[in-house]
N, C-alpha and C. Protein backbone atom coordinates (compact mmCIF):
# COMPACT_ATOMS: atom_id res chain seq x y z
N MET A 1 108.66 123.44 101.10
CA MET A 1 107.63 122.50 101.27
C MET A 1 106.20 122.84 101.84
N LYS A 2 105.26 122.80 101.21
CA LYS A 2 103.97 123.19 101.69
C LYS A 2 103.10 121.89 102.01
N THR A 3 102.21 121.93 103.01
CA THR A 3 101.33 120.97 103.45
C THR A 3 100.06 121.55 103.44
N VAL A 4 99.00 120.81 102.90
CA VAL A 4 97.49 121.18 102.74
C VAL A 4 97.02 120.01 103.50
N GLU A 5 96.14 120.14 104.55
CA GLU A 5 95.52 119.38 105.16
C GLU A 5 94.05 119.60 104.99
N LEU A 6 93.37 118.47 104.85
CA LEU A 6 91.86 118.42 104.79
C LEU A 6 91.41 117.57 105.77
N SER A 7 90.73 118.14 106.65
CA SER A 7 89.89 117.41 107.90
C SER A 7 88.46 117.39 107.73
N THR A 8 87.77 116.25 108.16
CA THR A 8 86.28 116.21 107.92
C THR A 8 85.85 114.85 108.70
N CYS A 9 84.83 114.82 108.82
CA CYS A 9 84.03 113.75 109.80
C CYS A 9 82.87 112.90 108.58
N LEU A 10 83.08 111.70 108.68
CA LEU A 10 81.85 110.74 108.00
C LEU A 10 80.38 110.97 108.46
N GLU A 11 79.57 111.29 107.89
CA GLU A 11 78.17 111.63 108.48
C GLU A 11 77.39 110.60 108.05
N ARG A 12 77.45 109.58 106.97
CA ARG A 12 76.50 108.55 106.27
C ARG A 12 77.57 107.74 105.52
N ASN A 13 76.90 106.69 105.22
CA ASN A 13 77.52 105.51 104.58
C ASN A 13 78.00 105.95 103.16
N PRO A 14 79.17 105.88 103.02
CA PRO A 14 79.75 106.38 101.45
C PRO A 14 79.10 105.71 100.36
N TYR A 15 78.55 104.53 100.44
CA TYR A 15 77.96 103.59 99.35
C TYR A 15 76.48 103.27 99.64
N PRO A 16 75.61 104.24 99.69
CA PRO A 16 74.23 103.98 100.30
C PRO A 16 73.79 102.91 99.14
N ASP A 17 73.95 103.13 97.76
CA ASP A 17 73.02 102.23 97.07
C ASP A 17 73.69 100.97 96.66
N THR A 18 74.74 100.64 97.64
CA THR A 18 75.32 99.58 96.92
C THR A 18 74.58 98.21 97.96
N LEU A 19 74.47 97.17 97.32
CA LEU A 19 74.04 96.09 98.10
C LEU A 19 75.10 95.51 98.96
N LYS A 20 74.92 94.98 100.25
CA LYS A 20 76.01 94.61 101.21
C LYS A 20 75.61 93.23 101.60
N SER A 21 76.58 92.35 101.63
CA SER A 21 76.24 91.15 102.36
C SER A 21 76.44 91.25 104.06
N CYS A 22 75.52 90.61 104.71
CA CYS A 22 75.54 90.81 106.30
C CYS A 22 76.83 90.35 106.81
N LEU A 23 77.46 91.13 107.33
CA LEU A 23 78.91 90.63 107.80
C LEU A 23 78.79 90.42 109.56
N ALA A 24 77.67 90.55 109.96
CA ALA A 24 77.45 90.55 111.44
C ALA A 24 77.37 88.96 111.83
N GLN A 25 78.34 88.54 112.88
CA GLN A 25 78.74 87.18 113.42
C GLN A 25 78.18 86.77 114.69
N MET A 26 77.59 86.03 115.08
CA MET A 26 77.38 85.77 116.49
C MET A 26 78.46 85.38 117.35
N LEU A 27 78.98 86.20 118.41
CA LEU A 27 80.09 85.43 119.22
C LEU A 27 79.78 84.19 120.17
N PRO A 28 81.11 83.37 120.06
CA PRO A 28 80.59 82.17 120.70
C PRO A 28 80.54 82.43 122.25
N LEU A 29 79.45 82.89 122.78
CA LEU A 29 79.12 82.98 124.24
C LEU A 29 78.32 81.80 124.80
N SER A 30 78.90 81.35 125.82
CA SER A 30 78.10 80.22 126.28
C SER A 30 78.09 80.15 127.78
N THR A 31 79.05 80.66 128.51
CA THR A 31 79.23 80.74 129.90
C THR A 31 79.00 82.27 130.36
N GLU A 32 78.61 82.02 131.71
CA GLU A 32 78.50 83.50 132.26
C GLU A 32 80.00 84.33 132.19
N GLN A 33 80.97 83.95 132.46
CA GLN A 33 82.28 84.23 132.11
C GLN A 33 82.38 85.17 130.61
N ASP A 34 81.92 84.39 129.77
CA ASP A 34 81.97 84.84 128.32
C ASP A 34 81.11 86.19 128.58
N TYR A 35 79.83 86.43 128.92
CA TYR A 35 79.06 87.41 128.82
C TYR A 35 79.81 88.58 129.80
N LEU A 36 80.40 88.05 131.03
CA LEU A 36 80.87 89.18 131.89
C LEU A 36 82.34 89.69 131.23
N ALA A 37 82.76 88.94 130.32
CA ALA A 37 83.99 89.52 129.35
C ALA A 37 83.48 90.64 128.29
N LEU A 38 82.54 90.16 127.64
CA LEU A 38 81.80 90.83 126.65
C LEU A 38 81.33 92.35 127.25
N SER A 39 80.64 92.22 128.49
CA SER A 39 80.10 93.38 129.01
C SER A 39 81.16 94.45 129.52
N SER A 40 82.58 93.82 129.75
CA SER A 40 83.52 94.92 130.11
C SER A 40 84.28 95.44 128.88
N LEU A 41 83.88 95.01 127.57
CA LEU A 41 84.32 95.94 126.78
C LEU A 41 83.75 97.24 126.46
N PRO A 42 84.61 98.23 126.02
CA PRO A 42 84.35 99.79 125.96
C PRO A 42 83.07 99.52 124.87
N VAL A 43 82.32 100.56 125.04
CA VAL A 43 81.22 101.08 124.11
C VAL A 43 81.58 102.27 123.49
N ASN A 44 81.53 102.35 122.09
CA ASN A 44 81.82 103.57 121.35
C ASN A 44 80.56 104.19 121.21
N SER A 45 80.52 105.45 121.24
CA SER A 45 79.39 106.48 120.96
C SER A 45 79.20 106.58 119.46
N SER A 46 80.38 106.60 118.84
CA SER A 46 80.41 106.95 117.12
C SER A 46 79.88 105.69 116.47
N PRO A 47 78.94 106.33 115.62
CA PRO A 47 78.27 105.16 114.80
C PRO A 47 78.99 104.52 113.75
N VAL A 48 78.60 103.36 113.47
CA VAL A 48 79.26 102.41 112.72
C VAL A 48 78.82 102.96 111.16
N LEU A 49 79.43 103.34 110.13
CA LEU A 49 78.67 104.00 108.99
C LEU A 49 79.52 103.24 108.15
N LEU A 50 80.45 102.22 107.90
CA LEU A 50 80.73 101.68 106.68
C LEU A 50 81.28 100.40 107.55
N ASN A 51 81.61 99.36 106.61
CA ASN A 51 82.26 98.26 107.00
C ASN A 51 83.93 97.90 106.69
N HIS A 52 84.46 97.27 106.73
CA HIS A 52 85.89 96.90 106.19
C HIS A 52 85.93 97.09 104.95
N SER A 53 85.17 96.18 104.15
CA SER A 53 85.15 96.37 102.64
C SER A 53 84.94 97.60 102.20
N GLU A 54 83.82 98.16 102.62
CA GLU A 54 83.85 99.94 102.24
C GLU A 54 84.78 100.69 102.68
N HIS A 55 85.54 100.62 103.89
CA HIS A 55 86.67 101.19 104.33
C HIS A 55 87.66 101.15 103.28
N TYR A 56 88.02 99.86 102.55
CA TYR A 56 89.11 99.79 101.56
C TYR A 56 88.61 100.50 100.32
N GLN A 57 87.22 100.42 100.09
CA GLN A 57 86.92 100.78 98.76
C GLN A 57 86.97 102.43 98.96
N LEU A 58 86.71 103.05 99.88
CA LEU A 58 86.88 104.46 100.11
C LEU A 58 88.29 104.64 100.24
N LEU A 59 89.38 104.28 100.59
CA LEU A 59 90.51 104.31 100.53
C LEU A 59 91.26 104.37 98.75
N LEU A 60 90.67 103.42 98.18
CA LEU A 60 90.81 103.35 96.77
C LEU A 60 90.12 104.13 95.91
N ASP A 61 89.28 104.70 96.43
CA ASP A 61 88.64 105.96 95.67
C ASP A 61 89.28 107.14 95.93
N ILE A 62 89.89 107.20 97.02
CA ILE A 62 90.85 108.57 97.33
C ILE A 62 92.20 108.28 96.65
N LEU A 63 92.50 107.12 96.61
CA LEU A 63 94.17 107.24 95.87
C LEU A 63 93.57 107.21 94.39
N ARG A 64 92.64 106.50 93.87
CA ARG A 64 92.27 106.47 92.59
C ARG A 64 92.29 108.31 91.96
N TYR A 65 91.59 108.99 92.97
CA TYR A 65 91.33 110.24 92.39
C TYR A 65 92.91 111.21 92.48
N PHE A 66 93.91 110.79 93.23
CA PHE A 66 95.27 111.29 93.24
C PHE A 66 95.81 110.87 92.10
N GLU A 67 95.62 109.65 91.76
CA GLU A 67 96.39 109.02 90.38
C GLU A 67 95.73 109.70 89.24
N ASP A 68 94.27 109.96 89.07
CA ASP A 68 94.00 110.57 87.87
C ASP A 68 94.40 112.03 87.89
N SER A 69 94.62 112.52 89.05
CA SER A 69 94.93 114.19 88.90
C SER A 69 96.51 114.47 88.61
N GLU A 70 97.25 113.10 88.44
CA GLU A 70 98.60 113.13 87.79
C GLU A 70 99.38 114.01 88.82
N LEU A 71 99.22 114.22 90.17
CA LEU A 71 99.86 114.93 91.18
C LEU A 71 101.32 114.01 91.22
N ASP A 72 102.43 114.68 91.08
CA ASP A 72 103.49 114.08 91.30
C ASP A 72 103.93 113.71 92.69
N ILE A 73 103.62 112.36 93.27
CA ILE A 73 104.06 112.05 94.51
C ILE A 73 104.98 111.11 94.64
N ASP A 74 105.78 111.26 95.83
CA ASP A 74 106.84 109.98 95.86
C ASP A 74 106.15 108.88 96.95
N LEU A 75 105.30 109.13 97.71
CA LEU A 75 104.72 108.14 98.66
C LEU A 75 103.53 108.49 99.07
N VAL A 76 102.94 107.35 99.42
CA VAL A 76 101.29 107.61 100.00
C VAL A 76 101.38 106.84 101.54
N LEU A 77 101.05 107.55 102.44
CA LEU A 77 101.05 106.94 103.85
C LEU A 77 99.70 106.78 104.22
N ILE A 78 99.22 105.39 104.80
CA ILE A 78 97.88 105.54 105.21
C ILE A 78 97.99 104.71 106.64
N LYS A 79 97.27 105.47 107.42
CA LYS A 79 97.01 105.11 108.89
C LYS A 79 96.12 103.78 108.63
N MET A 80 96.83 102.73 109.23
CA MET A 80 96.36 101.27 109.18
C MET A 80 95.45 100.97 110.56
N GLN A 81 94.42 100.75 110.48
CA GLN A 81 93.68 100.25 112.12
C GLN A 81 93.74 98.79 111.87
N MET A 82 93.87 98.29 113.20
CA MET A 82 93.68 96.83 113.29
C MET A 82 92.77 96.46 114.08
N PRO A 83 91.57 95.24 113.99
CA PRO A 83 92.09 94.52 112.98
C PRO A 83 91.62 95.09 111.32
N ALA A 84 92.18 94.51 110.49
CA ALA A 84 91.94 94.88 109.38
C ALA A 84 90.70 94.55 108.70
N GLY A 85 90.38 93.29 108.87
CA GLY A 85 89.19 92.60 108.29
C GLY A 85 89.18 92.34 106.93
N GLY A 86 89.05 91.07 106.32
CA GLY A 86 89.16 91.02 104.87
C GLY A 86 90.47 90.91 104.20
N ARG A 87 90.34 90.76 102.87
CA ARG A 87 91.70 90.90 102.02
C ARG A 87 91.64 92.17 101.62
N MET A 88 92.94 92.79 101.65
CA MET A 88 93.42 94.25 101.27
C MET A 88 93.38 94.13 99.86
N PRO A 89 93.10 95.21 98.99
CA PRO A 89 93.11 95.15 97.69
C PRO A 89 94.50 95.42 97.10
N SER A 90 94.91 94.93 96.10
CA SER A 90 96.50 94.84 95.58
C SER A 90 96.89 96.31 95.54
N ALA A 91 95.91 97.44 95.20
CA ALA A 91 96.34 98.73 95.10
C ALA A 91 97.01 99.25 96.34
N LEU A 92 96.35 98.75 97.35
CA LEU A 92 97.11 99.23 98.79
C LEU A 92 98.41 98.40 99.08
N LEU A 93 98.81 97.48 98.36
CA LEU A 93 100.04 96.81 98.54
C LEU A 93 101.32 97.13 97.73
N GLN A 94 100.92 98.18 96.85
CA GLN A 94 102.27 98.76 96.11
C GLN A 94 103.17 99.44 96.69
N ASP A 95 104.58 99.42 96.00
CA ASP A 95 105.62 100.05 96.89
C ASP A 95 105.48 101.26 97.47
N SER A 96 104.55 102.11 96.52
CA SER A 96 104.32 103.70 96.53
C SER A 96 103.42 103.84 97.83
N VAL A 97 102.88 102.58 98.39
CA VAL A 97 101.75 102.88 99.65
C VAL A 97 102.59 102.28 100.55
N LEU A 98 102.66 103.05 101.87
CA LEU A 98 103.15 102.71 103.20
C LEU A 98 102.04 102.69 104.01
N MET A 99 101.67 101.35 104.61
CA MET A 99 100.74 101.37 105.93
C MET A 99 101.58 101.36 107.17
N LEU A 100 100.95 102.25 107.92
CA LEU A 100 101.55 102.45 109.45
C LEU A 100 100.51 102.90 110.29
N HIS A 101 100.67 102.51 111.81
CA HIS A 101 100.04 102.76 112.81
C HIS A 101 100.11 104.42 113.27
N ASP A 102 101.03 104.95 113.03
CA ASP A 102 101.73 106.18 113.38
C ASP A 102 102.27 107.07 112.50
N LEU A 103 101.66 108.03 111.63
CA LEU A 103 102.20 108.76 110.62
C LEU A 103 103.26 109.89 110.84
N ALA A 104 103.29 110.27 112.08
CA ALA A 104 103.99 111.57 112.22
C ALA A 104 105.60 111.45 111.93
N GLY A 105 106.12 110.10 112.56
CA GLY A 105 107.42 110.03 112.52
C GLY A 105 107.88 109.78 110.96
N GLU A 106 107.13 109.23 110.37
CA GLU A 106 107.40 108.96 108.88
C GLU A 106 107.29 110.34 108.06
N GLU A 107 106.28 110.87 108.46
CA GLU A 107 106.13 112.28 107.72
C GLU A 107 107.14 113.19 107.97
N ALA A 108 107.89 112.94 109.34
CA ALA A 108 108.94 114.21 109.51
C ALA A 108 110.09 113.77 108.68
N ILE A 109 110.21 112.28 108.44
CA ILE A 109 111.41 111.93 107.82
C ILE A 109 111.38 112.41 106.26
N LEU A 110 109.96 112.43 105.74
CA LEU A 110 109.81 112.70 104.32
C LEU A 110 110.06 114.05 103.98
N VAL A 111 109.45 114.86 104.97
CA VAL A 111 109.57 116.26 105.14
C VAL A 111 111.12 116.62 105.06
N GLY A 112 112.03 116.14 105.97
CA GLY A 112 113.33 116.47 106.05
C GLY A 112 114.04 115.96 104.62
N ASP A 113 113.87 114.87 103.91
CA ASP A 113 114.03 114.32 102.78
C ASP A 113 113.50 115.22 101.56
N GLY A 114 112.81 116.18 101.73
CA GLY A 114 111.94 116.96 100.63
C GLY A 114 111.32 116.16 99.75
N LYS A 115 110.96 114.98 100.22
CA LYS A 115 109.76 113.92 99.43
C LYS A 115 108.31 114.55 99.43
N ARG A 116 107.67 114.26 98.38
CA ARG A 116 106.40 114.87 98.07
C ARG A 116 105.51 113.48 98.48
N TYR A 117 104.28 113.76 99.46
CA TYR A 117 103.65 112.62 99.76
C TYR A 117 102.35 112.93 100.00
N ILE A 118 101.63 112.02 100.31
CA ILE A 118 99.93 112.24 100.43
C ILE A 118 99.91 111.23 101.96
N ALA A 119 99.20 111.63 102.89
CA ALA A 119 99.04 111.01 104.25
C ALA A 119 97.67 110.94 104.43
N ILE A 120 96.96 109.72 104.61
CA ILE A 120 95.46 109.58 104.78
C ILE A 120 95.47 108.86 106.21
N GLU A 121 94.90 109.84 107.13
CA GLU A 121 94.77 109.17 108.60
C GLU A 121 93.36 109.21 108.84
N ASP A 122 92.55 108.31 109.23
CA ASP A 122 91.30 108.18 109.69
C ASP A 122 91.11 107.13 110.92
N SER A 123 89.79 107.39 111.55
CA SER A 123 89.49 106.94 112.77
C SER A 123 87.83 106.45 112.37
N LEU A 124 87.76 106.08 111.27
CA LEU A 124 86.66 105.36 110.69
C LEU A 124 86.04 104.27 111.52
N VAL A 125 85.16 104.12 112.13
CA VAL A 125 84.43 102.99 112.94
C VAL A 125 83.76 102.09 111.99
N ARG A 126 84.47 101.06 111.83
CA ARG A 126 84.18 99.71 110.98
C ARG A 126 83.41 98.95 111.89
N HIS A 127 83.45 98.71 113.28
CA HIS A 127 82.81 97.55 113.89
C HIS A 127 82.30 98.09 115.17
N PRO A 128 81.29 97.66 115.91
CA PRO A 128 80.68 98.45 117.29
C PRO A 128 81.63 98.23 118.07
N PHE A 129 82.83 97.47 118.72
CA PHE A 129 83.77 97.29 119.28
C PHE A 129 85.01 98.10 118.96
N GLU A 130 84.80 98.80 117.96
CA GLU A 130 86.02 99.50 117.49
C GLU A 130 86.15 101.12 118.07
N ALA A 131 87.34 101.49 118.50
CA ALA A 131 87.24 103.00 118.94
C ALA A 131 87.72 103.67 117.71
N GLY A 132 86.89 104.74 117.69
CA GLY A 132 87.16 105.86 116.52
C GLY A 132 86.16 106.92 116.65
N THR A 133 86.37 107.97 115.67
CA THR A 133 85.41 109.07 115.97
C THR A 133 84.82 109.33 114.60
N ASN A 134 85.30 108.85 113.38
CA ASN A 134 84.65 108.85 112.28
C ASN A 134 85.47 110.10 111.46
N GLN A 135 86.50 110.57 111.95
CA GLN A 135 87.26 111.44 111.51
C GLN A 135 88.26 111.25 110.28
N LEU A 136 88.52 112.09 109.24
CA LEU A 136 89.36 111.76 108.35
C LEU A 136 90.18 113.01 107.93
N LYS A 137 91.56 112.85 107.83
CA LYS A 137 92.53 113.87 107.63
C LYS A 137 93.12 113.39 106.65
N ILE A 138 93.31 114.02 105.45
CA ILE A 138 94.23 114.05 104.33
C ILE A 138 95.04 115.09 104.33
N ARG A 139 96.62 114.69 104.26
CA ARG A 139 97.57 115.73 103.94
C ARG A 139 98.36 115.60 102.66
N LEU A 140 98.47 116.79 102.25
CA LEU A 140 99.35 116.59 100.81
C LEU A 140 100.56 117.23 100.96
N ALA A 141 101.67 116.85 100.76
CA ALA A 141 102.95 117.72 101.19
C ALA A 141 103.65 117.67 99.91
N VAL A 142 103.42 118.76 99.34
CA VAL A 142 104.05 118.89 97.87
C VAL A 142 105.01 120.24 97.82
N ASP A 143 106.14 120.19 96.87
CA ASP A 143 106.77 121.30 96.67
C ASP A 143 106.28 122.35 95.65
N VAL A 144 105.11 122.21 95.26
CA VAL A 144 104.53 123.56 94.70
C VAL A 144 102.99 123.90 95.36
N ASP A 145 102.36 124.92 95.00
CA ASP A 145 101.18 124.99 95.57
C ASP A 145 100.06 124.36 94.97
N CYS A 146 99.45 123.68 95.94
CA CYS A 146 98.49 122.89 95.10
C CYS A 146 97.21 123.64 94.28
N HIS A 147 96.68 123.00 93.41
CA HIS A 147 95.94 123.82 92.64
C HIS A 147 94.60 123.81 93.43
N ASP A 148 94.02 124.88 93.34
CA ASP A 148 92.49 124.80 94.08
C ASP A 148 91.62 124.23 93.39
N LEU A 149 91.64 123.86 92.03
CA LEU A 149 90.82 122.46 91.36
C LEU A 149 91.00 121.24 92.00
N LEU A 150 92.24 121.14 92.48
CA LEU A 150 92.66 119.68 93.00
C LEU A 150 91.95 119.54 94.22
N ILE A 151 92.20 120.65 94.92
CA ILE A 151 91.64 120.40 96.66
C ILE A 151 89.92 120.60 96.27
N GLU A 152 89.45 121.43 95.41
CA GLU A 152 88.06 121.52 95.25
C GLU A 152 87.50 119.96 94.94
N GLY A 153 88.21 119.48 93.88
CA GLY A 153 87.86 118.18 93.51
C GLY A 153 87.78 116.90 94.56
N LEU A 154 88.98 117.16 95.56
CA LEU A 154 88.91 116.12 96.57
C LEU A 154 87.93 116.27 97.51
N SER A 155 87.54 117.81 97.82
CA SER A 155 86.61 118.14 98.65
C SER A 155 85.19 117.34 98.14
N LYS A 156 84.90 117.74 96.74
CA LYS A 156 83.71 117.29 96.21
C LYS A 156 83.43 115.77 96.30
N LEU A 157 84.77 114.99 95.85
CA LEU A 157 84.51 113.30 96.19
C LEU A 157 84.17 113.07 97.67
N LEU A 158 84.92 113.67 98.60
CA LEU A 158 84.50 113.25 100.04
C LEU A 158 83.10 113.79 100.40
N ILE A 159 82.95 114.84 100.10
CA ILE A 159 81.15 115.03 100.14
C ILE A 159 80.28 114.04 99.80
N GLU A 160 80.43 113.90 98.38
CA GLU A 160 79.79 112.48 97.82
C GLU A 160 79.91 111.41 98.44
N CYS A 161 81.11 111.04 99.01
CA CYS A 161 81.19 109.87 99.94
C CYS A 161 80.65 110.16 101.32
N GLY A 162 79.91 110.96 101.66
CA GLY A 162 79.30 111.16 102.76
C GLY A 162 79.87 112.04 103.78
N PHE A 163 81.10 112.67 103.76
CA PHE A 163 81.58 113.35 104.67
C PHE A 163 80.83 114.90 104.83
N GLY A 164 80.96 115.37 105.77
CA GLY A 164 80.45 116.50 106.11
C GLY A 164 81.28 117.73 105.77
N ASP A 165 81.09 118.83 106.42
CA ASP A 165 81.91 120.13 106.33
C ASP A 165 83.53 119.87 106.47
N ILE A 166 84.23 120.22 105.51
CA ILE A 166 85.52 120.18 104.98
C ILE A 166 86.34 121.57 105.82
N THR A 167 87.49 121.25 106.32
CA THR A 167 88.42 122.20 106.79
C THR A 167 89.76 122.17 106.28
N ILE A 168 90.18 123.30 105.74
CA ILE A 168 91.40 123.02 104.60
C ILE A 168 92.36 124.07 105.43
N ASN A 169 93.48 123.67 105.78
CA ASN A 169 94.70 124.33 106.33
C ASN A 169 95.77 123.96 105.59
N THR A 170 96.60 125.02 105.16
CA THR A 170 97.98 125.30 104.45
C THR A 170 98.82 125.46 105.64
N MET A 171 100.03 124.74 105.62
CA MET A 171 101.18 124.85 106.46
C MET A 171 102.59 124.99 105.70
N ASP A 172 103.44 125.68 105.99
CA ASP A 172 104.68 125.61 105.43
C ASP A 172 105.70 124.57 106.33
N GLY A 173 106.49 123.88 105.75
CA GLY A 173 107.42 123.29 106.57
C GLY A 173 106.93 121.77 106.87
N THR A 174 106.84 121.21 108.10
CA THR A 174 106.62 120.00 108.61
C THR A 174 105.17 120.22 108.75
N ALA A 175 104.79 118.87 108.80
CA ALA A 175 103.14 118.45 108.76
C ALA A 175 102.81 118.44 110.10
């Protein structure tokens, strides 16, 4: 089993030409205690480059790319950040998609069982109070060499969606 990992960082909004409704909401702050509680929240230095619905759209675009490639995959693992915000698209609720907080344990089981999978792990910041680094990692665990054209096409999609330089690593065995 070979695992190919693409690692990159979001540098701009993936959908800059798409109109967006304002998702900002005023917090119900009315007392001094409310403001003190708010001021104690951590401040993330990573910029917010997409919202919750754009995050779902990005995941769908990545999944659609793999579906169109006809790569034979048993399962798709997606690291889910909470709160998720908004209605989850039905494509992410299929039996072949598993949402988790920690992918490593499930990946070890799948590798041990010889299963082919895709793991999408991100820390994309969707709200100012959310922790994250705007990093994205995609791992493909397959029993054949990934075609260079498949990796090249995925890299092109990610760059078009606002990601920067892409690092590609190939590993034998476990992810």
